[in-house]
Amino acid sequence: MNELLWLAMLVTNFAAILLVYRIFGRLGLYVWIPIAAIVANIQVVKYVELLGVTATLGNIVYASSFLVTDILSENYGRREARRAVAVGFASLIAMVVLMNLALLFEPHASDQAHPHLSAIFTLMPRIALASLVAYLVSQYHDVWAYNFWRKKLPGTRRIWIRNNLSTLVSQLIDSVVFTLAAFYGTVPWAVLLEIVVTTYLLKAIVAAADTPLVYVASRWHRKGVVSGDV
C-alpha cells in the first residue's frame, strides 16, 4: 500500500509542478520551492516502510525542488535558479522561527492541537538546521553542476545528461549531510545507514523520473506557451 501511495505522491508532485509552471511561469516555480521545503521538513519526521526497508517521508516533495531549479537553470539561467534556492532557504528559516514561537504560547484548556504541534515541531530546530545545511550545499551544487554541464554539453537533446549528472550527485550530498546531521545519535547506526541508502535511492528514482518534465518545460518555454512568460 505504501508503495502505491508513494507513486501517487510522485505523480501528484510532477503534475503540480507542470501545472504551476504552465499557468504562472517562473513565478509558479518560485512559489513551489518554499512549498516543497516546508512540506518536506514536516513529512520527514514520519518513518515508513517502503519495499521492505525503513525510509522517511518527504523524499519526493524535497526532490521535486531539484527539478524546479533544473527547469529554471535550463530556461532562465543560473541567476534565476540561485534566486529560487534563496527563497527556499528564507522560507525554512521563517517556518522554524514562527512555529517555535507559536509553541511558546500557553494553550487554552480546551485546546487539542498543541500536543500534536509540539510532537512535530519540537524536533524542528535540529531537523531544520540539518535541512538548512544540506539544502544550501546540495541545491547550490545542483545549480552550479547543471550550468557546468550545460556549457560542456549544450543543446536540448542533452538535457537528460546534465539533469541527471547534476541532480544525482546533489541528491547524494543532501542525503548524507541531512541524515547525519538530523538523526545521528537518535537512532542505531544500522537504521541510520538504512535511512541514508533508502532516502538516496528514492531521491535518485525521482531524479531519473523527472527528466521528461525538464524536456516538457523547455519545449513550452521555447514555444512561448507558458502564461507567466508572455
C-alpha atoms as a PDB file:
ATOM      1  CA  MET A   1       0.000   0.000   0.000  1.00  0.00           C
ATOM      2  CA  ASN A   2       2.808   2.420   0.880  1.00  0.00           C
ATOM      3  CA  GLU A   3       4.439   1.823  -2.490  1.00  0.00           C
ATOM      4  CA  LEU A   4       1.240   2.745  -4.332  1.00  0.00           C
ATOM      5  CA  LEU A   5       0.852   5.873  -2.222  1.00  0.00           C
ATOM      6  CA  TRP A   6       4.478   6.769  -2.960  1.00  0.00           C
ATOM      7  CA  LEU A   7       3.834   6.522  -6.706  1.00  0.00           C
ATOM      8  CA  ALA A   8       0.652   8.562  -6.328  1.00  0.00           C
ATOM      9  CA  MET A   9       2.578  11.270  -4.481  1.00  0.00           C
ATOM     10  CA  LEU A  10       5.250  11.240  -7.198  1.00  0.00           C
ATOM     11  CA  VAL A  11       2.709  11.750  -9.966  1.00  0.00           C
ATOM     12  CA  THR A  12       0.896  14.429  -7.967  1.00  0.00           C
ATOM     13  CA  ASN A  13       4.115  16.385  -7.411  1.00  0.00           C
ATOM     14  CA  PHE A  14       5.137  16.219 -11.053  1.00  0.00           C
ATOM     15  CA  ALA A  15       1.681  17.220 -12.262  1.00  0.00           C
ATOM     16  CA  ALA A  16       1.521  20.128  -9.813  1.00  0.00           C
ATOM     17  CA  ILE A  17       4.912  21.484 -10.910  1.00  0.00           C
ATOM     18  CA  LEU A  18       3.996  21.385 -14.582  1.00  0.00           C
ATOM     19  CA  LEU A  19       0.637  22.980 -13.814  1.00  0.00           C
ATOM     20  CA  VAL A  20       2.016  25.914 -11.833  1.00  0.00           C
ATOM     21  CA  TYR A  21       4.717  26.430 -14.444  1.00  0.00           C
ATOM     22  CA  ARG A  22       2.283  26.405 -17.356  1.00  0.00           C
ATOM     23  CA  ILE A  23      -0.087  28.844 -15.613  1.00  0.00           C
ATOM     24  CA  PHE A  24       2.305  31.135 -13.742  1.00  0.00           C
ATOM     25  CA  GLY A  25       5.673  30.657 -15.452  1.00  0.00           C
ATOM     26  CA  ARG A  26       8.797  31.111 -13.357  1.00  0.00           C
ATOM     27  CA  LEU A  27       6.709  32.719 -10.596  1.00  0.00           C
ATOM     28  CA  GLY A  28       4.923  29.407 -10.120  1.00  0.00           C
ATOM     29  CA  LEU A  29       8.272  27.660  -9.740  1.00  0.00           C
ATOM     30  CA  TYR A  30       9.388  30.220  -7.160  1.00  0.00           C
ATOM     31  CA  VAL A  31       6.211  29.504  -5.196  1.00  0.00           C
ATOM     32  CA  TRP A  32       6.756  25.748  -5.385  1.00  0.00           C
ATOM     33  CA  ILE A  33      10.224  25.932  -3.815  1.00  0.00           C
ATOM     34  CA  PRO A  34       9.034  27.074  -0.335  1.00  0.00           C
ATOM     35  CA  ILE A  35       6.081  24.681  -0.549  1.00  0.00           C
ATOM     36  CA  ALA A  36       8.470  21.792  -1.151  1.00  0.00           C
ATOM     37  CA  ALA A  37      10.902  22.906   1.540  1.00  0.00           C
ATOM     38  CA  ILE A  38       8.247  23.333   4.247  1.00  0.00           C
ATOM     39  CA  VAL A  39       6.182  20.236   3.434  1.00  0.00           C
ATOM     40  CA  ALA A  40       9.275  18.037   3.167  1.00  0.00           C
ATOM     41  CA  ASN A  41      10.547  19.160   6.566  1.00  0.00           C
ATOM     42  CA  ILE A  42       7.229  18.227   8.151  1.00  0.00           C
ATOM     43  CA  GLN A  43       6.893  14.907   6.360  1.00  0.00           C
ATOM     44  CA  VAL A  44      10.460  13.847   7.142  1.00  0.00           C
ATOM     45  CA  VAL A  45       9.650  13.211  10.818  1.00  0.00           C
ATOM     46  CA  LYS A  46       7.463  10.263   9.777  1.00  0.00           C
ATOM     47  CA  TYR A  47       9.116   6.867   9.288  1.00  0.00           C
ATOM     48  CA  VAL A  48       7.564   4.409   6.848  1.00  0.00           C
ATOM     49  CA  GLU A  49       8.408   1.085   5.270  1.00  0.00           C
ATOM     50  CA  LEU A  50       8.937   1.056   1.512  1.00  0.00           C
ATOM     51  CA  LEU A  51       9.919  -2.088  -0.358  1.00  0.00           C
ATOM     52  CA  GLY A  52      10.783  -3.738   2.936  1.00  0.00           C
ATOM     53  CA  VAL A  53      13.191  -1.062   4.195  1.00  0.00           C
ATOM     54  CA  THR A  54      12.911   1.918   6.550  1.00  0.00           C
ATOM     55  CA  ALA A  55      12.599   5.351   4.959  1.00  0.00           C
ATOM     56  CA  THR A  56      11.420   8.814   5.861  1.00  0.00           C
ATOM     57  CA  LEU A  57       8.704  10.687   4.049  1.00  0.00           C
ATOM     58  CA  GLY A  58       9.432  13.985   2.329  1.00  0.00           C
ATOM     59  CA  ASN A  59      11.784  12.495  -0.257  1.00  0.00           C
ATOM     60  CA  ILE A  60       9.520  13.121  -3.226  1.00  0.00           C
ATOM     61  CA  VAL A  61       8.474  16.616  -2.236  1.00  0.00           C
ATOM     62  CA  TYR A  62      12.001  17.681  -1.419  1.00  0.00           C
ATOM     63  CA  ALA A  63      13.486  16.046  -4.519  1.00  0.00           C
ATOM     64  CA  SER A  64      10.992  17.992  -6.633  1.00  0.00           C
ATOM     65  CA  SER A  65      12.793  21.198  -5.681  1.00  0.00           C
ATOM     66  CA  PHE A  66      15.810  19.977  -7.670  1.00  0.00           C
ATOM     67  CA  LEU A  67      13.535  19.548 -10.670  1.00  0.00           C
ATOM     68  CA  VAL A  68      12.377  23.139 -10.245  1.00  0.00           C
ATOM     69  CA  THR A  69      15.892  24.568 -10.094  1.00  0.00           C
ATOM     70  CA  ASP A  70      16.890  22.484 -13.122  1.00  0.00           C
ATOM     71  CA  ILE A  71      13.954  23.910 -15.097  1.00  0.00           C
ATOM     72  CA  LEU A  72      14.939  27.418 -14.025  1.00  0.00           C
ATOM     73  CA  SER A  73      18.572  26.781 -14.956  1.00  0.00           C
ATOM     74  CA  GLU A  74      17.611  25.369 -18.342  1.00  0.00           C
ATOM     75  CA  ASN A  75      15.094  28.052 -19.307  1.00  0.00           C
ATOM     76  CA  TYR A  76      16.252  31.181 -17.460  1.00  0.00           C
ATOM     77  CA  GLY A  77      19.837  30.666 -16.375  1.00  0.00           C
ATOM     78  CA  ARG A  78      21.900  30.221 -13.238  1.00  0.00           C
ATOM     79  CA  ARG A  79      20.891  33.514 -11.614  1.00  0.00           C
ATOM     80  CA  GLU A  80      17.189  32.659 -11.543  1.00  0.00           C
ATOM     81  CA  ALA A  81      17.880  29.180 -10.152  1.00  0.00           C
ATOM     82  CA  ARG A  82      20.050  30.588  -7.360  1.00  0.00           C
ATOM     83  CA  ARG A  83      17.318  33.080  -6.524  1.00  0.00           C
ATOM     84  CA  ALA A  84      14.852  30.220  -6.101  1.00  0.00           C
ATOM     85  CA  VAL A  85      17.269  28.448  -3.747  1.00  0.00           C
ATOM     86  CA  ALA A  86      17.463  31.626  -1.663  1.00  0.00           C
ATOM     87  CA  VAL A  87      13.656  31.802  -1.498  1.00  0.00           C
ATOM     88  CA  GLY A  88      13.521  28.243  -0.189  1.00  0.00           C
ATOM     89  CA  PHE A  89      16.189  28.974   2.399  1.00  0.00           C
ATOM     90  CA  ALA A  90      14.286  32.010   3.676  1.00  0.00           C
ATOM     91  CA  SER A  91      11.057  30.006   3.895  1.00  0.00           C
ATOM     92  CA  LEU A  92      12.698  27.362   6.080  1.00  0.00           C
ATOM     93  CA  ILE A  93      14.027  29.974   8.484  1.00  0.00           C
ATOM     94  CA  ALA A  94      10.630  31.672   8.685  1.00  0.00           C
ATOM     95  CA  MET A  95       8.866  28.366   9.383  1.00  0.00           C
ATOM     96  CA  VAL A  96      11.228  27.391  12.186  1.00  0.00           C
ATOM     97  CA  VAL A  97      11.012  30.776  13.907  1.00  0.00           C
ATOM     98  CA  LEU A  98       7.239  31.173  13.589  1.00  0.00           C
ATOM     99  CA  MET A  99       6.338  27.632  14.634  1.00  0.00           C
ATOM    100  CA  ASN A 100       8.634  27.635  17.640  1.00  0.00           C
ATOM    101  CA  LEU A 101       7.224  30.977  18.732  1.00  0.00           C
ATOM    102  CA  ALA A 102       3.734  29.502  18.413  1.00  0.00           C
ATOM    103  CA  LEU A 103       4.705  26.651  20.741  1.00  0.00           C
ATOM    104  CA  LEU A 104       5.675  29.140  23.457  1.00  0.00           C
ATOM    105  CA  PHE A 105       2.059  30.277  23.833  1.00  0.00           C
ATOM    106  CA  GLU A 106       0.210  28.722  26.775  1.00  0.00           C
ATOM    107  CA  PRO A 107      -2.622  26.681  25.237  1.00  0.00           C
ATOM    108  CA  HIS A 108      -6.218  27.161  26.347  1.00  0.00           C
ATOM    109  CA  ALA A 109      -7.784  24.437  28.463  1.00  0.00           C
ATOM    110  CA  SER A 110      -9.975  23.430  25.511  1.00  0.00           C
ATOM    111  CA  ASP A 111      -7.067  23.303  23.049  1.00  0.00           C
ATOM    112  CA  GLN A 112      -6.405  19.959  21.405  1.00  0.00           C
ATOM    113  CA  ALA A 113      -3.819  20.963  18.814  1.00  0.00           C
ATOM    114  CA  HIS A 114      -0.846  21.925  20.998  1.00  0.00           C
ATOM    115  CA  PRO A 115       0.324  18.380  21.905  1.00  0.00           C
ATOM    116  CA  HIS A 116       0.282  17.363  18.264  1.00  0.00           C
ATOM    117  CA  LEU A 117       2.057  20.501  17.093  1.00  0.00           C
ATOM    118  CA  SER A 118       4.611  20.056  19.854  1.00  0.00           C
ATOM    119  CA  ALA A 119       5.215  16.438  18.872  1.00  0.00           C
ATOM    120  CA  ILE A 120       6.086  17.545  15.354  1.00  0.00           C
ATOM    121  CA  PHE A 121       7.791  20.878  15.776  1.00  0.00           C
ATOM    122  CA  THR A 122       9.834  20.270  18.912  1.00  0.00           C
ATOM    123  CA  LEU A 123      12.044  18.201  16.608  1.00  0.00           C
ATOM    124  CA  MET A 124      12.146  21.054  14.155  1.00  0.00           C
ATOM    125  CA  PRO A 125      15.219  23.046  15.359  1.00  0.00           C
ATOM    126  CA  ARG A 126      17.666  20.168  14.817  1.00  0.00           C
ATOM    127  CA  ILE A 127      15.930  18.917  11.690  1.00  0.00           C
ATOM    128  CA  ALA A 128      15.648  22.431  10.315  1.00  0.00           C
ATOM    129  CA  LEU A 129      19.340  23.126  10.975  1.00  0.00           C
ATOM    130  CA  ALA A 130      20.277  19.883   9.247  1.00  0.00           C
ATOM    131  CA  SER A 131      17.925  20.725   6.410  1.00  0.00           C
ATOM    132  CA  LEU A 132      19.308  24.241   6.032  1.00  0.00           C
ATOM    133  CA  VAL A 133      22.884  22.998   5.763  1.00  0.00           C
ATOM    134  CA  ALA A 134      22.017  20.129   3.425  1.00  0.00           C
ATOM    135  CA  TYR A 135      19.684  22.361   1.416  1.00  0.00           C
ATOM    136  CA  LEU A 136      22.258  25.080   0.784  1.00  0.00           C
ATOM    137  CA  VAL A 137      25.117  22.721  -0.034  1.00  0.00           C
ATOM    138  CA  SER A 138      23.152  20.376  -2.288  1.00  0.00           C
ATOM    139  CA  GLN A 139      20.985  22.975  -4.022  1.00  0.00           C
ATOM    140  CA  TYR A 140      23.811  25.353  -4.843  1.00  0.00           C
ATOM    141  CA  HIS A 141      25.857  22.394  -6.032  1.00  0.00           C
ATOM    142  CA  ASP A 142      22.956  21.348  -8.259  1.00  0.00           C
ATOM    143  CA  VAL A 143      22.658  24.810  -9.803  1.00  0.00           C
ATOM    144  CA  TRP A 144      26.405  25.031 -10.333  1.00  0.00           C
ATOM    145  CA  ALA A 145      26.664  21.492 -11.744  1.00  0.00           C
ATOM    146  CA  TYR A 146      23.696  21.899 -14.098  1.00  0.00           C
ATOM    147  CA  ASN A 147      25.130  25.044 -15.610  1.00  0.00           C
ATOM    148  CA  PHE A 148      28.602  23.494 -15.746  1.00  0.00           C
ATOM    149  CA  TRP A 149      27.313  20.530 -17.747  1.00  0.00           C
ATOM    150  CA  ARG A 150      25.106  22.807 -19.817  1.00  0.00           C
ATOM    151  CA  LYS A 151      28.226  24.583 -21.058  1.00  0.00           C
ATOM    152  CA  LYS A 152      30.066  21.299 -21.601  1.00  0.00           C
ATOM    153  CA  LEU A 153      27.083  19.535 -23.184  1.00  0.00           C
ATOM    154  CA  PRO A 154      24.883  22.164 -24.844  1.00  0.00           C
ATOM    155  CA  GLY A 155      21.714  21.506 -26.798  1.00  0.00           C
ATOM    156  CA  THR A 156      18.226  20.338 -25.873  1.00  0.00           C
ATOM    157  CA  ARG A 157      18.988  16.719 -26.784  1.00  0.00           C
ATOM    158  CA  ARG A 158      21.495  16.537 -23.928  1.00  0.00           C
ATOM    159  CA  ILE A 159      19.144  17.810 -21.223  1.00  0.00           C
ATOM    160  CA  TRP A 160      18.855  14.303 -19.774  1.00  0.00           C
ATOM    161  CA  ILE A 161      22.623  14.101 -19.296  1.00  0.00           C
ATOM    162  CA  ARG A 162      23.097  17.382 -17.445  1.00  0.00           C
ATOM    163  CA  ASN A 163      19.869  16.911 -15.490  1.00  0.00           C
ATOM    164  CA  ASN A 164      20.930  13.530 -14.131  1.00  0.00           C
ATOM    165  CA  LEU A 165      24.638  14.301 -13.672  1.00  0.00           C
ATOM    166  CA  SER A 166      23.850  17.360 -11.579  1.00  0.00           C
ATOM    167  CA  THR A 167      20.894  16.015  -9.627  1.00  0.00           C
ATOM    168  CA  LEU A 168      22.159  12.537  -8.745  1.00  0.00           C
ATOM    169  CA  VAL A 169      25.330  13.899  -7.157  1.00  0.00           C
ATOM    170  CA  SER A 170      23.428  16.681  -5.416  1.00  0.00           C
ATOM    171  CA  GLN A 171      20.922  14.196  -4.010  1.00  0.00           C
ATOM    172  CA  LEU A 172      23.748  12.081  -2.600  1.00  0.00           C
ATOM    173  CA  ILE A 173      25.254  15.132  -0.904  1.00  0.00           C
ATOM    174  CA  ASP A 174      21.874  16.085   0.504  1.00  0.00           C
ATOM    175  CA  SER A 175      21.056  12.592   1.800  1.00  0.00           C
ATOM    176  CA  VAL A 176      24.356  12.128   3.614  1.00  0.00           C
ATOM    177  CA  VAL A 177      24.550  15.615   5.125  1.00  0.00           C
ATOM    178  CA  PHE A 178      20.914  15.791   6.188  1.00  0.00           C
ATOM    179  CA  THR A 179      20.598  12.291   7.633  1.00  0.00           C
ATOM    180  CA  LEU A 180      23.780  12.502   9.689  1.00  0.00           C
ATOM    181  CA  ALA A 181      23.017  15.998  10.965  1.00  0.00           C
ATOM    182  CA  ALA A 182      19.351  15.303  11.732  1.00  0.00           C
ATOM    183  CA  PHE A 183      19.371  11.788  13.174  1.00  0.00           C
ATOM    184  CA  TYR A 184      22.891  10.996  14.394  1.00  0.00           C
ATOM    185  CA  GLY A 185      22.671   9.815  17.998  1.00  0.00           C
ATOM    186  CA  THR A 186      18.892   9.349  17.921  1.00  0.00           C
ATOM    187  CA  VAL A 187      18.719   6.035  16.051  1.00  0.00           C
ATOM    188  CA  PRO A 188      21.028   2.992  15.828  1.00  0.00           C
ATOM    189  CA  TRP A 189      23.792   3.078  13.216  1.00  0.00           C
ATOM    190  CA  ALA A 190      22.118   0.317  11.224  1.00  0.00           C
ATOM    191  CA  VAL A 191      18.942   2.354  10.951  1.00  0.00           C
ATOM    192  CA  LEU A 192      20.930   5.499  10.178  1.00  0.00           C
ATOM    193  CA  LEU A 193      22.753   3.802   7.320  1.00  0.00           C
ATOM    194  CA  GLU A 194      19.494   2.346   6.055  1.00  0.00           C
ATOM    195  CA  ILE A 195      17.910   5.800   6.038  1.00  0.00           C
ATOM    196  CA  VAL A 196      20.866   7.248   4.083  1.00  0.00           C
ATOM    197  CA  VAL A 197      20.721   4.500   1.478  1.00  0.00           C
ATOM    198  CA  THR A 198      16.957   4.379   1.108  1.00  0.00           C
ATOM    199  CA  THR A 199      16.463   8.138   1.027  1.00  0.00           C
ATOM    200  CA  TYR A 200      19.123   8.476  -1.638  1.00  0.00           C
ATOM    201  CA  LEU A 201      17.708   5.650  -3.717  1.00  0.00           C
ATOM    202  CA  LEU A 202      14.222   7.130  -3.511  1.00  0.00           C
ATOM    203  CA  LYS A 203      15.518  10.566  -4.470  1.00  0.00           C
ATOM    204  CA  ALA A 204      17.525   9.025  -7.312  1.00  0.00           C
ATOM    205  CA  ILE A 205      14.351   7.420  -8.649  1.00  0.00           C
ATOM    206  CA  VAL A 206      12.638  10.802  -8.544  1.00  0.00           C
ATOM    207  CA  ALA A 207      15.626  12.417 -10.269  1.00  0.00           C
ATOM    208  CA  ALA A 208      15.557   9.871 -13.084  1.00  0.00           C
ATOM    209  CA  ALA A 209      11.786  10.066 -13.432  1.00  0.00           C
ATOM    210  CA  ASP A 210      11.676  13.864 -13.603  1.00  0.00           C
ATOM    211  CA  THR A 211      13.905  14.120 -16.709  1.00  0.00           C
ATOM    212  CA  PRO A 212      10.977  14.156 -19.186  1.00  0.00           C
ATOM    213  CA  LEU A 213       9.478  17.085 -17.292  1.00  0.00           C
ATOM    214  CA  VAL A 214      12.586  19.192 -17.933  1.00  0.00           C
ATOM    215  CA  TYR A 215      12.148  18.458 -21.642  1.00  0.00           C
ATOM    216  CA  VAL A 216       8.464  19.410 -21.483  1.00  0.00           C
ATOM    217  CA  ALA A 217       9.195  22.655 -19.633  1.00  0.00           C
ATOM    218  CA  SER A 218      11.993  23.505 -22.081  1.00  0.00           C
ATOM    219  CA  ARG A 219       9.697  22.939 -25.056  1.00  0.00           C
ATOM    220  CA  TRP A 220       6.931  25.068 -23.534  1.00  0.00           C
ATOM    221  CA  HIS A 221       9.425  27.842 -22.909  1.00  0.00           C
ATOM    222  CA  ARG A 222      10.795  27.764 -26.461  1.00  0.00           C
ATOM    223  CA  LYS A 223       7.300  27.782 -27.951  1.00  0.00           C
ATOM    224  CA  GLY A 224       6.202  30.660 -25.718  1.00  0.00           C
ATOM    225  CA  VAL A 225       3.161  28.873 -24.304  1.00  0.00           C
ATOM    226  CA  VAL A 226       3.998  29.470 -20.633  1.00  0.00           C
ATOM    227  CA  SER A 227       1.432  32.030 -19.455  1.00  0.00           C
ATOM    228  CA  GLY A 228       3.632  33.765 -16.913  1.00  0.00           C
ATOM    229  CA  ASP A 229       6.377  34.333 -19.504  1.00  0.00           C
ATOM    230  CA  VAL A 230       4.207  36.025 -22.102  1.00  0.00           C
END
